[in-house]
């Protein structure tokens, strides 16, 4: 599934229920935002 999503250019995030998944989502979104904006802050 992850490989198919990557080929389509879609982001993929695997979440775990035994950890702080909200923090994982925030880190993922911030990293994607940095990548989209050219790697800035």
N, C-alpha and C. Protein backbone atom coordinates (compact mmCIF):
# COMPACT_ATOMS: atom_id res chain seq x y z
N UNK A 1 0.83 -1.19 0.00
CA UNK A 1 0.00 0.00 0.00
C UNK A 1 0.88 1.25 0.00
N UNK A 2 1.89 1.29 0.87
CA UNK A 2 2.76 2.46 0.96
C UNK A 2 3.47 2.74 -0.36
N UNK A 3 3.94 1.69 -1.02
CA UNK A 3 4.64 1.87 -2.30
C UNK A 3 3.70 2.43 -3.36
N UNK A 4 2.48 1.95 -3.38
CA UNK A 4 1.50 2.46 -4.35
C UNK A 4 1.21 3.93 -4.10
N UNK A 5 1.04 4.30 -2.85
CA UNK A 5 0.79 5.70 -2.52
C UNK A 5 1.96 6.58 -2.93
N UNK A 6 3.19 6.10 -2.66
CA UNK A 6 4.38 6.88 -3.05
C UNK A 6 4.43 7.08 -4.56
N UNK A 7 4.15 6.02 -5.32
CA UNK A 7 4.16 6.14 -6.79
C UNK A 7 3.15 7.17 -7.27
N UNK A 8 2.06 7.30 -6.55
CA UNK A 8 1.03 8.28 -6.91
C UNK A 8 1.35 9.68 -6.39
N UNK A 9 2.40 9.81 -5.60
CA UNK A 9 2.78 11.10 -5.05
C UNK A 9 2.04 11.47 -3.79
N UNK A 10 1.35 10.51 -3.20
CA UNK A 10 0.58 10.78 -1.98
C UNK A 10 1.44 10.52 -0.74
N UNK A 11 1.15 11.25 0.29
CA UNK A 11 1.85 11.05 1.56
C UNK A 11 1.25 9.85 2.28
N UNK A 12 2.08 9.21 3.10
CA UNK A 12 1.63 8.03 3.84
C UNK A 12 2.17 8.12 5.25
N UNK A 13 1.30 7.95 6.21
CA UNK A 13 1.69 8.01 7.61
C UNK A 13 1.12 6.79 8.31
N UNK A 14 1.97 6.03 8.97
CA UNK A 14 1.53 4.89 9.75
C UNK A 14 1.39 5.32 11.20
N UNK A 15 0.23 5.13 11.76
CA UNK A 15 -0.03 5.52 13.14
C UNK A 15 -0.11 4.29 14.03
N UNK A 16 0.29 4.48 15.28
CA UNK A 16 0.20 3.41 16.27
C UNK A 16 -0.74 3.87 17.38
N UNK A 17 -1.51 2.98 17.90
CA UNK A 17 -2.45 3.34 18.95
C UNK A 17 -1.83 3.25 20.34
N UNK A 18 -0.61 2.69 20.42
CA UNK A 18 0.04 2.57 21.73
C UNK A 18 1.03 3.71 21.99
N UNK A 19 0.96 4.76 21.17
CA UNK A 19 1.82 5.92 21.38
C UNK A 19 0.99 7.18 21.12
N UNK A 20 1.62 8.32 21.26
CA UNK A 20 0.92 9.60 21.07
C UNK A 20 0.77 9.88 19.58
N UNK A 21 -0.31 9.38 19.00
CA UNK A 21 -0.50 9.52 17.55
C UNK A 21 -0.76 10.96 17.13
N UNK A 22 -1.29 11.79 18.04
CA UNK A 22 -1.52 13.20 17.69
C UNK A 22 -0.18 13.89 17.44
N UNK A 23 0.80 13.63 18.29
CA UNK A 23 2.13 14.21 18.10
C UNK A 23 2.75 13.71 16.80
N UNK A 24 2.53 12.44 16.47
CA UNK A 24 3.04 11.89 15.21
C UNK A 24 2.43 12.61 14.01
N UNK A 25 1.13 12.89 14.07
CA UNK A 25 0.45 13.60 12.98
C UNK A 25 1.01 15.01 12.86
N UNK A 26 1.19 15.70 13.98
CA UNK A 26 1.73 17.06 13.95
C UNK A 26 3.12 17.08 13.34
N UNK A 27 3.99 16.16 13.76
CA UNK A 27 5.35 16.10 13.18
C UNK A 27 5.30 15.82 11.69
N UNK A 28 4.43 14.92 11.28
CA UNK A 28 4.28 14.57 9.87
C UNK A 28 3.84 15.78 9.05
N UNK A 29 2.83 16.49 9.54
CA UNK A 29 2.31 17.66 8.82
C UNK A 29 3.37 18.75 8.74
N UNK A 30 4.07 18.99 9.82
CA UNK A 30 5.12 20.01 9.80
C UNK A 30 6.24 19.64 8.83
N UNK A 31 6.62 18.39 8.80
CA UNK A 31 7.67 17.94 7.88
C UNK A 31 7.21 18.10 6.43
N UNK A 32 5.96 17.74 6.14
CA UNK A 32 5.43 17.90 4.79
C UNK A 32 5.36 19.37 4.41
N UNK A 33 4.95 20.20 5.36
CA UNK A 33 4.86 21.64 5.09
C UNK A 33 6.24 22.20 4.74
N UNK A 34 7.27 21.77 5.49
CA UNK A 34 8.64 22.22 5.20
C UNK A 34 9.06 21.78 3.80
N UNK A 35 8.75 20.55 3.46
CA UNK A 35 9.12 20.03 2.15
C UNK A 35 8.43 20.79 1.04
N UNK A 36 7.16 21.09 1.22
CA UNK A 36 6.40 21.83 0.21
C UNK A 36 6.89 23.25 0.06
N UNK A 37 7.39 23.85 1.15
CA UNK A 37 7.81 25.25 1.09
C UNK A 37 9.28 25.39 0.72
N UNK A 38 9.91 24.32 0.34
CA UNK A 38 11.31 24.41 -0.10
C UNK A 38 12.31 24.13 0.98
N UNK A 39 11.90 23.52 2.09
CA UNK A 39 12.85 23.14 3.14
C UNK A 39 13.19 24.21 4.13
N UNK A 40 12.41 25.26 4.17
CA UNK A 40 12.66 26.34 5.14
C UNK A 40 12.36 25.90 6.55
N UNK A 41 12.26 26.84 7.42
CA UNK A 41 12.06 26.58 8.85
C UNK A 41 10.93 25.71 9.07
